């Protein structure tokens, strides 16, 4: 069975730059979060379960 990669588009650059600043993580990781619908600091906090 042949598998195919499905490439998602890049996230909104403004949202990405804000998350990079807020989370202090690599822009590539931020883009992965955005592709999964995580676009705010609070969303990321819930995703990572940061306390």
C-alpha atoms as a PDB file:
ATOM      1  CA  UNK A   1       0.000   0.000   0.000  1.00  0.00           C
ATOM      2  CA  UNK A   2       1.358   3.390  -0.987  1.00  0.00           C
ATOM      3  CA  UNK A   3       1.221   6.191   1.583  1.00  0.00           C
ATOM      4  CA  UNK A   4       1.087   9.849   0.675  1.00  0.00           C
ATOM      5  CA  UNK A   5       2.177  12.834   2.698  1.00  0.00           C
ATOM      6  CA  UNK A   6      -0.435  15.528   3.113  1.00  0.00           C
ATOM      7  CA  UNK A   7       1.241  18.914   3.496  1.00  0.00           C
ATOM      8  CA  UNK A   8      -0.702  21.579   5.319  1.00  0.00           C
ATOM      9  CA  UNK A   9      -0.303  25.242   4.525  1.00  0.00           C
ATOM     10  CA  UNK A  10       1.743  27.563   6.709  1.00  0.00           C
ATOM     11  CA  UNK A  11      -0.081  29.359   9.486  1.00  0.00           C
ATOM     12  CA  UNK A  12      -0.833  33.070   9.628  1.00  0.00           C
ATOM     13  CA  UNK A  13       2.546  34.852   9.974  1.00  0.00           C
ATOM     14  CA  UNK A  14       1.199  37.355  12.524  1.00  0.00           C
ATOM     15  CA  UNK A  15      -0.189  34.598  14.738  1.00  0.00           C
ATOM     16  CA  UNK A  16       3.054  32.660  14.364  1.00  0.00           C
ATOM     17  CA  UNK A  17       5.265  35.571  15.366  1.00  0.00           C
ATOM     18  CA  UNK A  18       3.066  36.310  18.388  1.00  0.00           C
ATOM     19  CA  UNK A  19       3.228  32.678  19.530  1.00  0.00           C
ATOM     20  CA  UNK A  20       6.994  32.518  19.010  1.00  0.00           C
ATOM     21  CA  UNK A  21       7.348  35.530  21.313  1.00  0.00           C
ATOM     22  CA  UNK A  22       4.821  34.260  23.885  1.00  0.00           C
ATOM     23  CA  UNK A  23       6.003  30.651  24.021  1.00  0.00           C
ATOM     24  CA  UNK A  24       9.699  31.233  23.298  1.00  0.00           C
ATOM     25  CA  UNK A  25       9.913  28.147  21.097  1.00  0.00           C
ATOM     26  CA  UNK A  26      11.168  27.445  17.602  1.00  0.00           C
ATOM     27  CA  UNK A  27       9.037  28.863  14.751  1.00  0.00           C
ATOM     28  CA  UNK A  28       8.817  25.392  13.192  1.00  0.00           C
ATOM     29  CA  UNK A  29       7.163  24.061  16.336  1.00  0.00           C
ATOM     30  CA  UNK A  30       4.838  27.056  16.414  1.00  0.00           C
ATOM     31  CA  UNK A  31       3.793  26.327  12.831  1.00  0.00           C
ATOM     32  CA  UNK A  32       2.971  22.734  13.796  1.00  0.00           C
ATOM     33  CA  UNK A  33       0.808  24.012  16.643  1.00  0.00           C
ATOM     34  CA  UNK A  34      -1.025  26.414  14.329  1.00  0.00           C
ATOM     35  CA  UNK A  35      -1.660  23.622  11.836  1.00  0.00           C
ATOM     36  CA  UNK A  36      -3.366  21.747  14.670  1.00  0.00           C
ATOM     37  CA  UNK A  37      -5.602  24.706  15.476  1.00  0.00           C
ATOM     38  CA  UNK A  38      -3.605  26.010  18.441  1.00  0.00           C
ATOM     39  CA  UNK A  39      -3.389  29.746  17.871  1.00  0.00           C
ATOM     40  CA  UNK A  40      -3.235  31.356  21.314  1.00  0.00           C
ATOM     41  CA  UNK A  41      -1.019  31.128  24.367  1.00  0.00           C
ATOM     42  CA  UNK A  42      -3.919  29.689  26.373  1.00  0.00           C
ATOM     43  CA  UNK A  43      -4.552  27.021  23.712  1.00  0.00           C
ATOM     44  CA  UNK A  44      -0.868  26.058  23.849  1.00  0.00           C
ATOM     45  CA  UNK A  45      -0.954  26.030  27.632  1.00  0.00           C
ATOM     46  CA  UNK A  46      -3.853  23.561  27.565  1.00  0.00           C
ATOM     47  CA  UNK A  47      -2.153  21.511  24.837  1.00  0.00           C
ATOM     48  CA  UNK A  48       1.081  21.214  26.803  1.00  0.00           C
ATOM     49  CA  UNK A  49      -0.793  21.143  30.140  1.00  0.00           C
ATOM     50  CA  UNK A  50       1.533  23.761  31.580  1.00  0.00           C
ATOM     51  CA  UNK A  51       0.806  24.800  35.130  1.00  0.00           C
END
